[in-house]
Amino acid sequence: MTAALLAAGGSLLAQTGLAPVSTRLPAEVIALACSPILAYEVPAPSLLITGGQDASTRHMFRPGDLITINGGSDNGIEVGQEYYVRMVQGENGGGISRMTPATIRTAGWVRVYAVDKKMSLVTVSHACDTPIEIGEYLEPFTVPIPPIADANPSQPQRENYGHILVGSDRRTMFAKNDFFTIDRGSDHGVTLGARYVIYRDKRRTETAKLPITTELPAAIITPEFLFELGDAVVVDVKPESSTLLATSSRSAFLSGDYAAIRK
């Protein structure tokens, strides 16, 4: 790393970065920032984590570490900017499509520490639940807004069910305070803060010979017998999918369970 680059943000001796500091964000906001996103297409990022700023070779990094990215002032990078660090988690290493969507896992976020024309140093501000790794990609960081609880929620709509898909690390089972994705988004009228009731078609699951994750219907169908499992709230909305936070659960939510919006 050049002396000019280091001088842009700190001392030449500051090659281990600043001491880790608190993000000063409430716990619920940090949890939202670390929640998963669904993707039907492979992202095409331009900014990647490319290496560390250490004498030894490392591939994983923690808060306070200095790491390099493959963009600089020529790409509009400026000292102080913050970026999410994310990775794509496909199904069994296969391709990404509408039938086999991927989970976008948020590893944490970083702040730009020093900038050169073609590359920059960033320091890890927060790691969600695992270290940040080389090859993960960056997206601009925005502080998420926690949804406001509705004191008088409407009745759930029973003619337009969505389905639970997956969570971070391809998880398929969820409980209270877990995040998961569904196959409904703004194109279907979903808005940030919308409330959902989660149901299970017990007759289908009790008679199924295969795991529920292989039983996702190709089209929306009317379930035969519903058991109410709990409630969830929308914390992130994309055109064709949303991320929800489970706010209550009588039993574990599973991939394939039905989600009915309160409207």
Protein backbone atom coordinates (compact mmCIF):
# COMPACT_ATOMS: atom_id res chain seq x y z
CA MET A 1 0.00 0.00 0.00
CA THR A 2 1.42 3.34 -0.98
CA ALA A 3 2.45 6.04 1.47
CA ALA A 4 0.14 8.45 -0.31
CA LEU A 5 -2.86 6.26 0.35
CA LEU A 6 -2.12 5.84 4.03
CA ALA A 7 -1.44 9.53 4.42
CA ALA A 8 -4.92 10.26 3.11
CA GLY A 9 -6.54 8.77 6.17
CA GLY A 10 -4.00 8.24 8.92
CA SER A 11 -0.42 7.63 9.98
CA LEU A 12 1.93 5.36 8.08
CA LEU A 13 2.23 3.35 11.28
CA ALA A 14 -1.52 2.83 11.54
CA GLN A 15 -1.50 -0.36 9.50
CA THR A 16 -3.63 -2.32 11.96
CA GLY A 17 -6.43 0.22 11.84
CA LEU A 18 -8.16 2.06 14.61
CA ALA A 19 -9.20 0.36 17.83
CA PRO A 20 -12.71 -1.14 17.50
CA VAL A 21 -15.41 1.28 18.60
CA SER A 22 -19.11 0.86 19.21
CA THR A 23 -21.38 1.42 16.22
CA ARG A 24 -23.61 3.46 18.57
CA LEU A 25 -26.63 1.91 16.91
CA PRO A 26 -29.45 0.33 18.94
CA ALA A 27 -29.43 -3.46 19.05
CA GLU A 28 -32.67 -3.70 17.04
CA VAL A 29 -31.17 -1.54 14.26
CA ILE A 30 -28.01 -3.67 14.15
CA ALA A 31 -30.17 -6.80 13.90
CA LEU A 32 -32.10 -5.28 10.98
CA ALA A 33 -28.87 -4.28 9.23
CA CYS A 34 -27.63 -7.88 9.49
CA SER A 35 -30.87 -9.45 8.19
CA PRO A 36 -30.91 -11.55 4.97
CA ILE A 37 -32.17 -10.53 1.52
CA LEU A 38 -33.50 -12.73 -1.30
CA ALA A 39 -32.07 -12.57 -4.83
CA TYR A 40 -33.48 -14.06 -8.04
CA GLU A 41 -30.44 -12.94 -10.07
CA VAL A 42 -26.70 -12.99 -9.47
CA PRO A 43 -25.59 -9.56 -8.16
CA ALA A 44 -23.06 -7.71 -10.31
CA PRO A 45 -21.01 -5.79 -7.73
CA SER A 46 -18.08 -3.56 -8.65
CA LEU A 47 -16.52 -3.28 -5.18
CA LEU A 48 -14.94 -6.30 -3.48
CA ILE A 49 -12.88 -7.06 -0.38
CA THR A 50 -9.44 -7.85 -1.81
CA GLY A 51 -7.05 -8.34 1.11
CA GLY A 52 -5.73 -7.39 4.50
CA GLN A 53 -3.18 -4.89 5.75
CA ASP A 54 -1.03 -7.28 7.80
CA ALA A 55 2.40 -8.87 7.61
CA SER A 56 0.75 -12.31 7.72
CA THR A 57 -1.68 -13.69 5.16
CA ARG A 58 -5.27 -13.51 6.34
CA HIS A 59 -8.61 -14.17 4.72
CA MET A 60 -10.98 -13.22 7.56
CA PHE A 61 -11.27 -9.92 9.38
CA ARG A 62 -12.87 -8.51 12.53
CA PRO A 63 -13.87 -5.02 13.81
CA GLY A 64 -10.93 -2.63 13.79
CA ASP A 65 -8.99 -4.45 11.05
CA LEU A 66 -7.79 -2.55 7.98
CA ILE A 67 -8.65 -4.25 4.70
CA THR A 68 -8.34 -3.28 1.04
CA ILE A 69 -11.05 -2.85 -1.59
CA ASN A 70 -10.70 -2.63 -5.36
CA GLY A 71 -12.04 0.90 -5.78
CA GLY A 72 -10.71 4.38 -5.11
CA SER A 73 -11.26 8.03 -5.92
CA ASP A 74 -11.70 7.15 -9.60
CA ASN A 75 -14.80 5.21 -8.50
CA GLY A 76 -16.17 8.01 -6.32
CA ILE A 77 -14.89 6.51 -3.06
CA GLU A 78 -14.35 9.06 -0.27
CA VAL A 79 -13.00 8.84 3.27
CA GLY A 80 -15.83 8.29 5.76
CA GLN A 81 -18.22 6.48 3.42
CA GLU A 82 -19.75 3.28 4.80
CA TYR A 83 -20.60 0.08 2.95
CA TYR A 84 -22.38 -3.16 3.71
CA VAL A 85 -20.28 -6.28 3.15
CA ARG A 86 -22.34 -9.09 1.63
CA MET A 87 -22.06 -12.53 0.09
CA VAL A 88 -24.30 -14.70 -2.10
CA GLN A 89 -25.49 -18.03 -0.70
CA GLY A 90 -26.91 -20.21 -3.46
CA GLU A 91 -28.69 -23.52 -3.10
CA ASN A 92 -26.06 -26.27 -2.84
CA GLY A 93 -23.66 -24.23 -4.93
CA GLY A 94 -26.03 -24.28 -7.90
CA GLY A 95 -27.24 -21.49 -10.16
CA ILE A 96 -29.57 -18.67 -9.15
CA SER A 97 -32.99 -18.38 -10.79
CA ARG A 98 -36.62 -17.70 -9.94
CA MET A 99 -37.01 -21.35 -9.01
CA THR A 100 -33.77 -21.44 -7.00
CA PRO A 101 -33.30 -17.99 -5.43
CA ALA A 102 -30.21 -17.17 -3.41
CA THR A 103 -29.89 -15.61 0.01
CA ILE A 104 -27.82 -12.45 0.29
CA ARG A 105 -26.06 -12.68 3.63
CA THR A 106 -24.86 -9.48 5.29
CA ALA A 107 -21.47 -10.09 6.93
CA GLY A 108 -21.17 -6.60 8.41
CA TRP A 109 -20.18 -3.11 7.31
CA VAL A 110 -17.02 -1.08 6.82
CA ARG A 111 -15.94 2.58 6.79
CA VAL A 112 -13.49 4.05 4.26
CA TYR A 113 -10.25 4.94 6.06
CA ALA A 114 -7.93 6.07 3.23
CA VAL A 115 -8.28 6.46 -0.54
CA ASP A 116 -6.00 6.17 -3.57
CA LYS A 117 -7.05 6.44 -7.22
CA LYS A 118 -7.57 2.73 -7.82
CA MET A 119 -7.94 1.21 -4.34
CA SER A 120 -8.83 2.10 -0.77
CA LEU A 121 -8.39 1.02 2.81
CA VAL A 122 -11.49 0.39 4.89
CA THR A 123 -11.83 -0.52 8.53
CA VAL A 124 -14.39 -3.01 9.79
CA SER A 125 -17.07 -1.17 11.77
CA HIS A 126 -19.21 -4.20 12.62
CA ALA A 127 -19.24 -7.94 11.91
CA CYS A 128 -22.69 -9.52 12.15
CA ASP A 129 -22.04 -13.07 13.37
CA THR A 130 -19.00 -14.27 11.41
CA PRO A 131 -15.80 -12.55 10.24
CA ILE A 132 -15.67 -10.58 7.00
CA GLU A 133 -13.86 -12.48 4.24
CA ILE A 134 -11.90 -11.77 1.06
CA GLY A 135 -14.14 -11.85 -2.03
CA GLU A 136 -17.27 -10.54 -0.36
CA TYR A 137 -18.84 -7.54 -2.08
CA LEU A 138 -19.82 -4.03 -0.99
CA GLU A 139 -23.04 -2.03 -1.24
CA PRO A 140 -23.72 1.47 0.16
CA PHE A 141 -24.67 1.40 3.84
CA THR A 142 -27.91 2.96 5.03
CA VAL A 143 -29.22 2.79 8.58
CA PRO A 144 -32.41 0.67 8.52
CA ILE A 145 -35.57 2.02 10.14
CA PRO A 146 -37.29 -0.31 12.62
CA PRO A 147 -40.99 -0.80 11.83
CA ILE A 148 -43.58 0.79 14.11
CA ALA A 149 -46.05 -1.60 15.70
CA ASP A 150 -49.70 -1.23 14.68
CA ALA A 151 -51.86 -0.99 17.79
CA ASN A 152 -54.93 -2.16 15.84
CA PRO A 153 -53.80 -4.63 13.16
CA SER A 154 -56.23 -5.62 10.44
CA GLN A 155 -57.44 -9.14 9.79
CA PRO A 156 -55.15 -11.32 7.64
CA GLN A 157 -56.02 -11.72 3.98
CA ARG A 158 -56.74 -15.34 3.23
CA GLU A 159 -56.92 -15.24 -0.54
CA ASN A 160 -53.38 -14.18 -1.37
CA TYR A 161 -50.87 -16.25 0.57
CA GLY A 162 -47.13 -15.90 0.31
CA HIS A 163 -44.65 -18.55 1.38
CA ILE A 164 -41.67 -18.59 3.70
CA LEU A 165 -38.48 -19.24 1.74
CA VAL A 166 -35.07 -19.13 3.48
CA GLY A 167 -32.94 -17.08 5.86
CA SER A 168 -29.24 -16.40 6.33
CA ASP A 169 -27.00 -19.42 5.76
CA ARG A 170 -29.92 -21.08 3.89
CA ARG A 171 -31.76 -21.69 7.15
CA THR A 172 -35.23 -23.20 6.81
CA MET A 173 -36.46 -23.09 10.43
CA PHE A 174 -37.23 -19.93 12.39
CA ALA A 175 -38.45 -18.75 15.80
CA LYS A 176 -39.17 -15.44 17.52
CA ASN A 177 -36.62 -12.70 16.65
CA ASP A 178 -35.34 -14.60 13.60
CA PHE A 179 -35.31 -13.07 10.11
CA PHE A 180 -36.57 -14.88 7.02
CA THR A 181 -37.67 -14.12 3.46
CA ILE A 182 -40.98 -14.60 1.67
CA ASP A 183 -42.02 -14.60 -2.00
CA ARG A 184 -44.03 -11.37 -1.76
CA GLY A 185 -42.76 -7.82 -2.34
CA SER A 186 -43.77 -4.33 -3.39
CA ASP A 187 -45.15 -5.70 -6.67
CA HIS A 188 -47.71 -7.51 -4.50
CA GLY A 189 -48.57 -4.49 -2.34
CA VAL A 190 -46.15 -5.23 0.52
CA THR A 191 -44.85 -2.19 2.40
CA LEU A 192 -42.27 -1.66 5.12
CA GLY A 193 -43.83 -2.41 8.51
CA ALA A 194 -46.64 -4.58 7.10
CA ARG A 195 -47.80 -7.31 9.48
CA TYR A 196 -48.10 -10.97 8.58
CA VAL A 197 -49.67 -14.02 10.18
CA ILE A 198 -47.83 -17.30 9.58
CA TYR A 199 -49.84 -20.49 9.01
CA ARG A 200 -49.15 -24.13 8.32
CA ASP A 201 -51.31 -26.42 6.23
CA LYS A 202 -51.23 -29.33 8.67
CA ARG A 203 -53.00 -31.78 6.42
CA ARG A 204 -50.39 -31.29 3.71
CA THR A 205 -47.40 -31.54 6.03
CA GLU A 206 -48.74 -34.46 8.03
CA THR A 207 -49.36 -36.54 4.91
CA ALA A 208 -46.31 -35.46 2.94
CA LYS A 209 -43.65 -38.09 2.31
CA LEU A 210 -40.99 -35.50 1.53
CA PRO A 211 -39.57 -32.62 3.63
CA ILE A 212 -41.62 -29.45 3.47
CA THR A 213 -38.79 -27.62 1.72
CA THR A 214 -39.40 -29.73 -1.40
CA GLU A 215 -43.14 -29.15 -1.29
CA LEU A 216 -43.34 -25.48 -2.27
CA PRO A 217 -46.30 -25.23 -4.67
CA ALA A 218 -45.59 -23.92 -8.15
CA ALA A 219 -48.57 -21.58 -7.88
CA ILE A 220 -50.56 -20.06 -5.05
CA ILE A 221 -53.17 -22.54 -3.93
CA THR A 222 -55.81 -22.50 -1.20
CA PRO A 223 -54.56 -24.54 1.77
CA GLU A 224 -56.88 -27.17 3.18
CA PHE A 225 -56.43 -26.73 6.92
CA LEU A 226 -54.52 -23.91 8.58
CA PHE A 227 -52.83 -23.81 11.96
CA GLU A 228 -51.73 -20.35 13.12
CA LEU A 229 -48.05 -20.39 14.07
CA GLY A 230 -47.33 -16.76 14.93
CA ASP A 231 -46.73 -13.26 13.63
CA ALA A 232 -44.07 -11.37 11.70
CA VAL A 233 -43.35 -7.85 10.46
CA VAL A 234 -41.80 -6.69 7.19
CA VAL A 235 -38.39 -5.05 7.70
CA ASP A 236 -37.14 -4.87 4.09
CA VAL A 237 -39.02 -4.84 0.79
CA LYS A 238 -37.86 -5.67 -2.73
CA PRO A 239 -40.12 -5.83 -5.82
CA GLU A 240 -40.71 -9.59 -5.61
CA SER A 241 -39.60 -10.55 -2.11
CA SER A 242 -39.44 -9.23 1.43
CA THR A 243 -37.51 -9.86 4.64
CA LEU A 244 -39.59 -10.42 7.77
CA LEU A 245 -38.85 -10.51 11.49
CA ALA A 246 -40.71 -13.11 13.54
CA THR A 247 -42.37 -11.23 16.42
CA SER A 248 -44.12 -14.21 18.00
CA SER A 249 -44.12 -17.97 17.42
CA ARG A 250 -46.13 -20.78 18.99
CA SER A 251 -44.03 -23.27 17.06
CA ALA A 252 -41.11 -23.09 14.66
CA PHE A 253 -41.76 -21.54 11.24
CA LEU A 254 -40.57 -23.68 8.31
CA SER A 255 -39.82 -23.01 4.67
CA GLY A 256 -43.07 -23.50 2.80
CA ASP A 257 -45.34 -22.21 5.57
CA TYR A 258 -47.99 -19.72 4.46
CA ALA A 259 -47.76 -15.97 5.11
CA ALA A 260 -50.95 -13.87 5.12
CA ILE A 261 -50.69 -10.08 5.15
CA ARG A 262 -52.89 -8.04 7.49
CA LYS A 263 -54.79 -5.50 5.39
